[in-house]
């Protein structure tokens, strides 16, 4: 299909010149490279959400030892010596409180 437009008399100015096209591409690439370089040089600020901060704290806590070795050694010595006394009333109170709070 041919399109005829009588208004377009001189189409020479519409043709592309390969040398000028390649120069434009080179300039565009250089400009993009300079912008990327400036992004790498600038400092970047990151804001973590509250959830991400909580997860970070949870990971930190999880990486710590899960028990107090000094307390375990002290309690083991008390049990071995027969000096460890259990307060049965306090244990019963805590069991009842736990059942009332959690319904278990």
PDB file of N, CA and C in Angstrom:
ATOM      1  N   UNK A   1       0.838  -1.160   0.000  1.00  0.00           N
ATOM      2  CA  UNK A   1       0.000   0.000   0.000  1.00  0.00           C
ATOM      3  C   UNK A   1       0.889   1.231   0.000  1.00  0.00           C
ATOM      4  N   UNK A   2       0.636   2.130  -0.855  1.00  0.00           N
ATOM      5  CA  UNK A   2       1.402   3.361  -0.949  1.00  0.00           C
ATOM      6  C   UNK A   2       0.604   4.491  -0.324  1.00  0.00           C
ATOM      7  N   UNK A   3       1.324   5.313   0.409  1.00  0.00           N
ATOM      8  CA  UNK A   3       0.697   6.493   0.999  1.00  0.00           C
ATOM      9  C   UNK A   3       1.258   7.703   0.284  1.00  0.00           C
ATOM     10  N   UNK A   4       0.381   8.462  -0.269  1.00  0.00           N
ATOM     11  CA  UNK A   4       0.819   9.655  -0.996  1.00  0.00           C
ATOM     12  C   UNK A   4       0.408  10.875  -0.198  1.00  0.00           C
ATOM     13  N   UNK A   5       1.383  11.743   0.002  1.00  0.00           N
ATOM     14  CA  UNK A   5       1.114  12.988   0.708  1.00  0.00           C
ATOM     15  C   UNK A   5       1.701  14.119  -0.120  1.00  0.00           C
ATOM     16  N   UNK A   6       0.891  14.922  -0.711  1.00  0.00           N
ATOM     17  CA  UNK A   6       1.411  15.994  -1.558  1.00  0.00           C
ATOM     18  C   UNK A   6       2.117  17.077  -0.758  1.00  0.00           C
ATOM     19  N   UNK A   7       1.916  17.137   0.541  1.00  0.00           N
ATOM     20  CA  UNK A   7       2.552  18.161   1.370  1.00  0.00           C
ATOM     21  C   UNK A   7       4.028  17.876   1.620  1.00  0.00           C
ATOM     22  N   UNK A   8       4.427  16.625   1.484  1.00  0.00           N
ATOM     23  CA  UNK A   8       5.826  16.264   1.718  1.00  0.00           C
ATOM     24  C   UNK A   8       6.573  16.288   0.397  1.00  0.00           C
ATOM     25  N   UNK A   9       7.239  17.376   0.134  1.00  0.00           N
ATOM     26  CA  UNK A   9       7.968  17.503  -1.124  1.00  0.00           C
ATOM     27  C   UNK A   9       9.403  17.025  -0.992  1.00  0.00           C
ATOM     28  N   UNK A  10      10.017  17.366   0.144  1.00  0.00           N
ATOM     29  CA  UNK A  10      11.427  17.030   0.306  1.00  0.00           C
ATOM     30  C   UNK A  10      11.570  16.112   1.520  1.00  0.00           C
ATOM     31  N   UNK A  11      11.820  14.849   1.291  1.00  0.00           N
ATOM     32  CA  UNK A  11      11.934  13.876   2.362  1.00  0.00           C
ATOM     33  C   UNK A  11      13.390  13.649   2.772  1.00  0.00           C
ATOM     34  N   UNK A  12      14.307  14.368   2.194  1.00  0.00           N
ATOM     35  CA  UNK A  12      15.721  14.165   2.491  1.00  0.00           C
ATOM     36  C   UNK A  12      16.027  14.458   3.951  1.00  0.00           C
ATOM     37  N   UNK A  13      15.362  15.438   4.530  1.00  0.00           N
ATOM     38  CA  UNK A  13      15.656  15.803   5.920  1.00  0.00           C
ATOM     39  C   UNK A  13      15.166  14.741   6.907  1.00  0.00           C
ATOM     40  N   UNK A  14      14.333  13.804   6.458  1.00  0.00           N
ATOM     41  CA  UNK A  14      13.821  12.749   7.326  1.00  0.00           C
ATOM     42  C   UNK A  14      14.718  11.515   7.360  1.00  0.00           C
ATOM     43  N   UNK A  15      15.626  11.403   6.429  1.00  0.00           N
ATOM     44  CA  UNK A  15      16.488  10.222   6.410  1.00  0.00           C
ATOM     45  C   UNK A  15      17.496  10.310   7.555  1.00  0.00           C
ATOM     46  N   UNK A  16      17.872   9.153   8.067  1.00  0.00           N
ATOM     47  CA  UNK A  16      18.815   9.127   9.188  1.00  0.00           C
ATOM     48  C   UNK A  16      20.223   8.931   8.672  1.00  0.00           C
ATOM     49  N   UNK A  17      21.116   9.562   9.321  1.00  0.00           N
ATOM     50  CA  UNK A  17      22.527   9.444   8.992  1.00  0.00           C
ATOM     51  C   UNK A  17      23.135   8.498  10.015  1.00  0.00           C
ATOM     52  N   UNK A  18      23.764   7.400   9.578  1.00  0.00           N
ATOM     53  CA  UNK A  18      24.285   6.401  10.494  1.00  0.00           C
ATOM     54  C   UNK A  18      25.350   6.967  11.418  1.00  0.00           C
ATOM     55  N   UNK A  19      26.185   7.844  10.933  1.00  0.00           N
ATOM     56  CA  UNK A  19      27.249   8.384  11.776  1.00  0.00           C
ATOM     57  C   UNK A  19      26.664   9.266  12.876  1.00  0.00           C
ATOM     58  N   UNK A  20      25.673  10.080  12.547  1.00  0.00           N
ATOM     59  CA  UNK A  20      25.087  10.925  13.591  1.00  0.00           C
ATOM     60  C   UNK A  20      24.264  10.088  14.549  1.00  0.00           C
ATOM     61  N   UNK A  21      23.641   9.025  14.057  1.00  0.00           N
ATOM     62  CA  UNK A  21      22.870   8.129  14.915  1.00  0.00           C
ATOM     63  C   UNK A  21      23.778   7.425  15.915  1.00  0.00           C
ATOM     64  N   UNK A  22      24.936   6.951  15.452  1.00  0.00           N
ATOM     65  CA  UNK A  22      25.858   6.270  16.356  1.00  0.00           C
ATOM     66  C   UNK A  22      26.446   7.244  17.377  1.00  0.00           C
ATOM     67  N   UNK A  23      26.659   8.507  16.953  1.00  0.00           N
ATOM     68  CA  UNK A  23      27.151   9.514  17.897  1.00  0.00           C
ATOM     69  C   UNK A  23      26.121   9.761  18.991  1.00  0.00           C
ATOM     70  N   UNK A  24      24.854   9.830  18.608  1.00  0.00           N
ATOM     71  CA  UNK A  24      23.805  10.036  19.595  1.00  0.00           C
ATOM     72  C   UNK A  24      23.723   8.867  20.570  1.00  0.00           C
ATOM     73  N   UNK A  25      23.856   7.658  20.051  1.00  0.00           N
ATOM     74  CA  UNK A  25      23.840   6.481  20.916  1.00  0.00           C
ATOM     75  C   UNK A  25      25.005   6.507  21.889  1.00  0.00           C
ATOM     76  N   UNK A  26      26.192   6.881  21.408  1.00  0.00           N
ATOM     77  CA  UNK A  26      27.368   6.961  22.273  1.00  0.00           C
ATOM     78  C   UNK A  26      27.167   8.012  23.360  1.00  0.00           C
ATOM     79  N   UNK A  27      26.650   9.165  22.976  1.00  0.00           N
ATOM     80  CA  UNK A  27      26.395  10.216  23.962  1.00  0.00           C
ATOM     81  C   UNK A  27      25.374   9.768  25.003  1.00  0.00           C
ATOM     82  N   UNK A  28      24.342   9.086  24.556  1.00  0.00           N
ATOM     83  CA  UNK A  28      23.313   8.607  25.477  1.00  0.00           C
ATOM     84  C   UNK A  28      23.897   7.591  26.456  1.00  0.00           C
ATOM     85  N   UNK A  29      24.722   6.678  25.953  1.00  0.00           N
ATOM     86  CA  UNK A  29      25.341   5.679  26.817  1.00  0.00           C
ATOM     87  C   UNK A  29      26.268   6.331  27.834  1.00  0.00           C
ATOM     88  N   UNK A  30      27.063   7.316  27.389  1.00  0.00           N
ATOM     89  CA  UNK A  30      27.966   8.015  28.301  1.00  0.00           C
ATOM     90  C   UNK A  30      27.187   8.736  29.391  1.00  0.00           C
ATOM     91  N   UNK A  31      26.095   9.368  29.004  1.00  0.00           N
ATOM     92  CA  UNK A  31      25.291  10.088  29.981  1.00  0.00           C
ATOM     93  C   UNK A  31      24.697   9.129  31.004  1.00  0.00           C
ATOM     94  N   UNK A  32      24.200   7.988  30.533  1.00  0.00           N
ATOM     95  CA  UNK A  32      23.640   7.001  31.438  1.00  0.00           C
ATOM     96  C   UNK A  32      24.715   6.437  32.353  1.00  0.00           C
ATOM     97  N   UNK A  33      25.893   6.210  31.809  1.00  0.00           N
ATOM     98  CA  UNK A  33      26.999   5.712  32.625  1.00  0.00           C
ATOM     99  C   UNK A  33      27.390   6.701  33.692  1.00  0.00           C
ATOM    100  N   UNK A  34      27.416   7.995  33.353  1.00  0.00           N
ATOM    101  CA  UNK A  34      27.751   9.020  34.336  1.00  0.00           C
ATOM    102  C   UNK A  34      26.704   9.087  35.432  1.00  0.00           C
ATOM    103  N   UNK A  35      25.438   8.949  35.067  1.00  0.00           N
ATOM    104  CA  UNK A  35      24.386   8.980  36.071  1.00  0.00           C
ATOM    105  C   UNK A  35      24.495   7.776  36.987  1.00  0.00           C
ATOM    106  N   UNK A  36      24.781   6.612  36.435  1.00  0.00           N
ATOM    107  CA  UNK A  36      24.934   5.414  37.250  1.00  0.00           C
ATOM    108  C   UNK A  36      26.129   5.550  38.180  1.00  0.00           C
ATOM    109  N   UNK A  37      27.210   6.131  37.687  1.00  0.00           N
ATOM    110  CA  UNK A  37      28.381   6.342  38.527  1.00  0.00           C
ATOM    111  C   UNK A  37      28.084   7.288  39.674  1.00  0.00           C
ATOM    112  N   UNK A  38      27.307   8.314  39.407  1.00  0.00           N
ATOM    113  CA  UNK A  38      26.982   9.251  40.479  1.00  0.00           C
ATOM    114  C   UNK A  38      26.063   8.604  41.499  1.00  0.00           C
ATOM    115  N   UNK A  39      25.224   7.659  41.064  1.00  0.00           N
ATOM    116  CA  UNK A  39      24.380   6.946  42.016  1.00  0.00           C
ATOM    117  C   UNK A  39      25.220   6.074  42.928  1.00  0.00           C
ATOM    118  N   UNK A  40      26.245   5.454  42.388  1.00  0.00           N
ATOM    119  CA  UNK A  40      27.104   4.603  43.190  1.00  0.00           C
ATOM    120  C   UNK A  40      27.902   5.412  44.199  1.00  0.00           C
ATOM    121  N   UNK A  41      28.249   6.644  43.867  1.00  0.00           N
ATOM    122  CA  UNK A  41      29.070   7.461  44.744  1.00  0.00           C
ATOM    123  C   UNK A  41      28.255   8.098  45.861  1.00  0.00           C
ATOM    124  N   UNK A  42      26.977   8.328  45.636  1.00  0.00           N
ATOM    125  CA  UNK A  42      26.152   8.988  46.645  1.00  0.00           C
ATOM    126  C   UNK A  42      25.765   7.994  47.725  1.00  0.00           C
ATOM    127  N   UNK A  43      25.453   8.518  48.895  1.00  0.00           N
ATOM    128  CA  UNK A  43      25.040   7.648  49.991  1.00  0.00           C
ATOM    129  C   UNK A  43      23.563   7.322  49.836  1.00  0.00           C
ATOM    130  N   UNK A  44      23.203   6.139  50.268  1.00  0.00           N
ATOM    131  CA  UNK A  44      21.822   5.682  50.166  1.00  0.00           C
ATOM    132  C   UNK A  44      21.276   5.505  51.567  1.00  0.00           C
ATOM    133  N   UNK A  45      20.086   6.025  51.804  1.00  0.00           N
ATOM    134  CA  UNK A  45      19.447   5.915  53.111  1.00  0.00           C
ATOM    135  C   UNK A  45      18.328   4.890  53.017  1.00  0.00           C
ATOM    136  N   UNK A  46      18.307   3.962  53.967  1.00  0.00           N
ATOM    137  CA  UNK A  46      17.299   2.920  53.984  1.00  0.00           C
ATOM    138  C   UNK A  46      16.492   3.057  55.263  1.00  0.00           C
ATOM    139  N   UNK A  47      15.177   3.083  55.131  1.00  0.00           N
ATOM    140  CA  UNK A  47      14.288   3.113  56.287  1.00  0.00           C
ATOM    141  C   UNK A  47      13.601   1.763  56.389  1.00  0.00           C
ATOM    142  N   UNK A  48      13.787   1.099  57.531  1.00  0.00           N
ATOM    143  CA  UNK A  48      13.165  -0.193  57.744  1.00  0.00           C
ATOM    144  C   UNK A  48      11.794  -0.004  58.375  1.00  0.00           C
ATOM    145  N   UNK A  49      10.859  -0.818  57.974  1.00  0.00           N
ATOM    146  CA  UNK A  49       9.528  -0.756  58.562  1.00  0.00           C
ATOM    147  C   UNK A  49       9.589  -1.251  60.001  1.00  0.00           C
ATOM    148  N   UNK A  50       8.538  -0.987  60.738  1.00  0.00           N
ATOM    149  CA  UNK A  50       8.489  -1.427  62.134  1.00  0.00           C
ATOM    150  C   UNK A  50       8.569  -2.954  62.199  1.00  0.00           C
ATOM    151  N   UNK A  51       7.926  -3.620  61.264  1.00  0.00           N
ATOM    152  CA  UNK A  51       7.943  -5.085  61.226  1.00  0.00           C
ATOM    153  C   UNK A  51       9.363  -5.599  60.976  1.00  0.00           C
ATOM    154  N   UNK A  52      10.089  -4.959  60.075  1.00  0.00           N
ATOM    155  CA  UNK A  52      11.467  -5.366  59.789  1.00  0.00           C
ATOM    156  C   UNK A  52      12.360  -5.141  61.002  1.00  0.00           C
ATOM    157  N   UNK A  53      12.133  -4.052  61.729  1.00  0.00           N
ATOM    158  CA  UNK A  53      12.908  -3.793  62.939  1.00  0.00           C
ATOM    159  C   UNK A  53      12.618  -4.862  63.992  1.00  0.00           C
ATOM    160  N   UNK A  54      11.359  -5.267  64.122  1.00  0.00           N
ATOM    161  CA  UNK A  54      11.003  -6.316  65.070  1.00  0.00           C
ATOM    162  C   UNK A  54      11.650  -7.642  64.686  1.00  0.00           C
ATOM    163  N   UNK A  55      11.671  -7.934  63.399  1.00  0.00           N
ATOM    164  CA  UNK A  55      12.298  -9.169  62.937  1.00  0.00           C
ATOM    165  C   UNK A  55      13.802  -9.158  63.217  1.00  0.00           C
ATOM    166  N   UNK A  56      14.419  -8.001  63.046  1.00  0.00           N
ATOM    167  CA  UNK A  56      15.841  -7.871  63.324  1.00  0.00           C
ATOM    168  C   UNK A  56      16.125  -8.115  64.803  1.00  0.00           C
ATOM    169  N   UNK A  57      15.288  -7.545  65.669  1.00  0.00           N
ATOM    170  CA  UNK A  57      15.452  -7.763  67.114  1.00  0.00           C
ATOM    171  C   UNK A  57      15.231  -9.223  67.470  1.00  0.00           C
ATOM    172  N   UNK A  58      14.242  -9.856  66.845  1.00  0.00           N
ATOM    173  CA  UNK A  58      13.955 -11.265  67.113  1.00  0.00           C
ATOM    174  C   UNK A  58      15.138 -12.148  66.712  1.00  0.00           C
ATOM    175  N   UNK A  59      15.744 -11.840  65.583  1.00  0.00           N
ATOM    176  CA  UNK A  59      16.915 -12.617  65.154  1.00  0.00           C
ATOM    177  C   UNK A  59      18.075 -12.433  66.115  1.00  0.00           C
ATOM    178  N   UNK A  60      18.244 -11.199  66.602  1.00  0.00           N
ATOM    179  CA  UNK A  60      19.313 -10.924  67.562  1.00  0.00           C
ATOM    180  C   UNK A  60      19.100 -11.702  68.852  1.00  0.00           C
ATOM    181  N   UNK A  61      17.869 -11.718  69.343  1.00  0.00           N
ATOM    182  CA  UNK A  61      17.548 -12.447  70.569  1.00  0.00           C
ATOM    183  C   UNK A  61      17.727 -13.947  70.360  1.00  0.00           C
ATOM    184  N   UNK A  62      17.315 -14.450  69.197  1.00  0.00           N
ATOM    185  CA  UNK A  62      17.420 -15.880  68.906  1.00  0.00           C
ATOM    186  C   UNK A  62      18.868 -16.328  68.802  1.00  0.00           C
ATOM    187  N   UNK A  63      19.761 -15.430  68.427  1.00  0.00           N
ATOM    188  CA  UNK A  63      21.167 -15.816  68.287  1.00  0.00           C
ATOM    189  C   UNK A  63      21.893 -15.878  69.631  1.00  0.00           C
ATOM    190  N   UNK A  64      21.282 -15.324  70.683  1.00  0.00           N
ATOM    191  CA  UNK A  64      21.888 -15.363  72.007  1.00  0.00           C
ATOM    192  C   UNK A  64      21.629 -16.734  72.636  1.00  0.00           C
ATOM    193  N   UNK A  65      22.476 -17.117  73.595  1.00  0.00           N
ATOM    194  CA  UNK A  65      22.255 -18.409  74.270  1.00  0.00           C
ATOM    195  C   UNK A  65      20.868 -18.440  74.907  1.00  0.00           C
ATOM    196  N   UNK A  66      20.216 -19.605  74.855  1.00  0.00           N
ATOM    197  CA  UNK A  66      18.844 -19.699  75.334  1.00  0.00           C
ATOM    198  C   UNK A  66      18.742 -19.973  76.833  1.00  0.00           C
ATOM    199  N   UNK A  67      19.853 -20.103  77.523  1.00  0.00           N
ATOM    200  CA  UNK A  67      19.794 -20.314  78.963  1.00  0.00           C
ATOM    201  C   UNK A  67      20.964 -19.620  79.647  1.00  0.00           C
ATOM    202  N   UNK A  68      20.791 -19.394  80.940  1.00  0.00           N
ATOM    203  CA  UNK A  68      21.808 -18.739  81.756  1.00  0.00           C
ATOM    204  C   UNK A  68      22.624 -19.827  82.449  1.00  0.00           C
ATOM    205  N   UNK A  69      23.826 -20.051  81.968  1.00  0.00           N
ATOM    206  CA  UNK A  69      24.646 -21.152  82.483  1.00  0.00           C
ATOM    207  C   UNK A  69      25.015 -20.952  83.950  1.00  0.00           C
ATOM    208  N   UNK A  70      25.180 -19.706  84.388  1.00  0.00           N
ATOM    209  CA  UNK A  70      25.496 -19.456  85.797  1.00  0.00           C
ATOM    210  C   UNK A  70      24.334 -19.855  86.700  1.00  0.00           C
ATOM    211  N   UNK A  71      23.111 -19.521  86.273  1.00  0.00           N
ATOM    212  CA  UNK A  71      21.932 -19.862  87.051  1.00  0.00           C
ATOM    213  C   UNK A  71      21.752 -21.379  87.106  1.00  0.00           C
ATOM    214  N   UNK A  72      21.992 -22.058  85.987  1.00  0.00           N
ATOM    215  CA  UNK A  72      21.871 -23.514  85.944  1.00  0.00           C
ATOM    216  C   UNK A  72      22.879 -24.159  86.893  1.00  0.00           C
ATOM    217  N   UNK A  73      24.116 -23.655  86.885  1.00  0.00           N
ATOM    218  CA  UNK A  73      25.150 -24.213  87.782  1.00  0.00           C
ATOM    219  C   UNK A  73      24.777 -23.980  89.252  1.00  0.00           C
ATOM    220  N   UNK A  74      24.255 -22.781  89.547  1.00  0.00           N
ATOM    221  CA  UNK A  74      23.854 -22.468  90.936  1.00  0.00           C
ATOM    222  C   UNK A  74      22.715 -23.382  91.389  1.00  0.00           C
ATOM    223  N   UNK A  75      21.703 -23.559  90.531  1.00  0.00           N
ATOM    224  CA  UNK A  75      20.583 -24.427  90.886  1.00  0.00           C
ATOM    225  C   UNK A  75      21.021 -25.889  91.005  1.00  0.00           C
ATOM    226  N   UNK A  76      21.938 -26.330  90.149  1.00  0.00           N
ATOM    227  CA  UNK A  76      22.442 -27.703  90.216  1.00  0.00           C
ATOM    228  C   UNK A  76      23.163 -27.946  91.541  1.00  0.00           C
ATOM    229  N   UNK A  77      23.960 -26.968  91.977  1.00  0.00           N
ATOM    230  CA  UNK A  77      24.650 -27.085  93.266  1.00  0.00           C
ATOM    231  C   UNK A  77      23.649 -27.153  94.414  1.00  0.00           C
ATOM    232  N   UNK A  78      22.579 -26.315  94.359  1.00  0.00           N
ATOM    233  CA  UNK A  78      21.561 -26.334  95.414  1.00  0.00           C
ATOM    234  C   UNK A  78      20.840 -27.680  95.457  1.00  0.00           C
ATOM    235  N   UNK A  79      20.538 -28.257  94.298  1.00  0.00           N
ATOM    236  CA  UNK A  79      19.871 -29.558  94.257  1.00  0.00           C
ATOM    237  C   UNK A  79      20.799 -30.639  94.799  1.00  0.00           C
ATOM    238  N   UNK A  80      22.067 -30.613  94.381  1.00  0.00           N
ATOM    239  CA  UNK A  80      23.042 -31.607  94.847  1.00  0.00           C
ATOM    240  C   UNK A  80      23.246 -31.523  96.356  1.00  0.00           C
ATOM    241  N   UNK A  81      23.224 -30.318  96.924  1.00  0.00           N
ATOM    242  CA  UNK A  81      23.444 -30.126  98.360  1.00  0.00           C
ATOM    243  C   UNK A  81      22.173 -30.343  99.179  1.00  0.00           C
ATOM    244  N   UNK A  82      21.015 -30.424  98.494  1.00  0.00           N
ATOM    245  CA  UNK A  82      19.748 -30.612  99.195  1.00  0.00           C
ATOM    246  C   UNK A  82      19.196 -29.318  99.762  1.00  0.00           C
ATOM    247  N   UNK A  83      19.698 -28.187  99.306  1.00  0.00           N
ATOM    248  CA  UNK A  83      19.242 -26.893  99.829  1.00  0.00           C
ATOM    249  C   UNK A  83      18.202 -26.230  98.936  1.00  0.00           C
ATOM    250  N   UNK A  84      17.869 -26.868  97.809  1.00  0.00           N
ATOM    251  CA  UNK A  84      16.878 -26.269  96.900  1.00  0.00           C
ATOM    252  C   UNK A  84      15.491 -26.583  97.440  1.00  0.00           C
ATOM    253  N   UNK A  85      14.725 -25.550  97.749  1.00  0.00           N
ATOM    254  CA  UNK A  85      13.379 -25.708  98.290  1.00  0.00           C
ATOM    255  C   UNK A  85      12.358 -25.214  97.271  1.00  0.00           C
ATOM    256  N   UNK A  86      11.324 -25.981  97.090  1.00  0.00           N
ATOM    257  CA  UNK A  86      10.258 -25.620  96.161  1.00  0.00           C
ATOM    258  C   UNK A  86       9.103 -25.050  96.961  1.00  0.00           C
ATOM    259  N   UNK A  87       8.635 -23.885  96.569  1.00  0.00           N
ATOM    260  CA  UNK A  87       7.475 -23.245  97.200  1.00  0.00           C
ATOM    261  C   UNK A  87       6.232 -23.737  96.465  1.00  0.00           C
ATOM    262  N   UNK A  88       5.606 -24.780  97.016  1.00  0.00           N
ATOM    263  CA  UNK A  88       4.477 -25.407  96.335  1.00  0.00           C
ATOM    264  C   UNK A  88       3.290 -24.465  96.193  1.00  0.00           C
ATOM    265  N   UNK A  89       3.094 -23.546  97.147  1.00  0.00           N
ATOM    266  CA  UNK A  89       1.985 -22.591  97.060  1.00  0.00           C
ATOM    267  C   UNK A  89       2.204 -21.635  95.877  1.00  0.00           C
ATOM    268  N   UNK A  90       3.440 -21.186  95.654  1.00  0.00           N
ATOM    269  CA  UNK A  90       3.748 -20.278  94.541  1.00  0.00           C
ATOM    270  C   UNK A  90       3.570 -21.003  93.206  1.00  0.00           C
ATOM    271  N   UNK A  91       3.969 -22.276  93.162  1.00  0.00           N
ATOM    272  CA  UNK A  91       3.803 -23.054  91.936  1.00  0.00           C
ATOM    273  C   UNK A  91       2.315 -23.220  91.627  1.00  0.00           C
ATOM    274  N   UNK A  92       1.518 -23.538  92.647  1.00  0.00           N
ATOM    275  CA  UNK A  92       0.073 -23.714  92.449  1.00  0.00           C
ATOM    276  C   UNK A  92      -0.575 -22.404  91.996  1.00  0.00           C
ATOM    277  N   UNK A  93      -0.187 -21.288  92.614  1.00  0.00           N
ATOM    278  CA  UNK A  93      -0.734 -19.981  92.213  1.00  0.00           C
ATOM    279  C   UNK A  93      -0.428 -19.677  90.745  1.00  0.00           C
ATOM    280  N   UNK A  94       0.765 -19.947  90.325  1.00  0.00           N
ATOM    281  CA  UNK A  94       1.141 -19.683  88.934  1.00  0.00           C
ATOM    282  C   UNK A  94       0.396 -20.599  87.969  1.00  0.00           C
ATOM    283  N   UNK A  95       0.178 -21.845  88.358  1.00  0.00           N
ATOM    284  CA  UNK A  95      -0.583 -22.757  87.511  1.00  0.00           C
ATOM    285  C   UNK A  95      -2.022 -22.278  87.339  1.00  0.00           C
ATOM    286  N   UNK A  96      -2.637 -21.818  88.434  1.00  0.00           N
ATOM    287  CA  UNK A  96      -4.013 -21.312  88.364  1.00  0.00           C
ATOM    288  C   UNK A  96      -4.058 -20.042  87.518  1.00  0.00           C
ATOM    289  N   UNK A  97      -3.115 -19.127  87.757  1.00  0.00           N
ATOM    290  CA  UNK A  97      -3.067 -17.895  86.962  1.00  0.00           C
ATOM    291  C   UNK A  97      -2.915 -18.201  85.471  1.00  0.00           C
ATOM    292  N   UNK A  98      -2.045 -19.137  85.145  1.00  0.00           N
ATOM    293  CA  UNK A  98      -1.814 -19.511  83.753  1.00  0.00           C
ATOM    294  C   UNK A  98      -3.089 -20.078  83.142  1.00  0.00           C
ATOM    295  N   UNK A  99      -3.813 -20.903  83.920  1.00  0.00           N
ATOM    296  CA  UNK A  99      -5.045 -21.491  83.413  1.00  0.00           C
ATOM    297  C   UNK A  99      -6.106 -20.418  83.190  1.00  0.00           C
ATOM    298  N   UNK A 100      -6.188 -19.439  84.093  1.00  0.00           N
ATOM    299  CA  UNK A 100      -7.173 -18.362  83.945  1.00  0.00           C
ATOM    300  C   UNK A 100      -6.855 -17.454  82.759  1.00  0.00           C
ATOM    301  N   UNK A 101      -5.575 -17.173  82.543  1.00  0.00           N
ATOM    302  CA  UNK A 101      -5.168 -16.275  81.458  1.00  0.00           C
ATOM    303  C   UNK A 101      -5.281 -16.946  80.106  1.00  0.00           C
ATOM    304  N   UNK A 102      -4.744 -18.148  79.989  1.00  0.00           N
ATOM    305  CA  UNK A 102      -4.668 -18.807  78.682  1.00  0.00           C
ATOM    306  C   UNK A 102      -5.781 -19.814  78.459  1.00  0.00           C
ATOM    307  N   UNK A 103      -6.522 -20.170  79.509  1.00  0.00           N
ATOM    308  CA  UNK A 103      -7.627 -21.108  79.359  1.00  0.00           C
ATOM    309  C   UNK A 103      -7.195 -22.517  79.059  1.00  0.00           C
ATOM    310  N   UNK A 104      -6.020 -22.868  79.479  1.00  0.00           N
ATOM    311  CA  UNK A 104      -5.516 -24.228  79.216  1.00  0.00           C
ATOM    312  C   UNK A 104      -5.605 -25.062  80.463  1.00  0.00           C
TER     313      UNK A 104
END
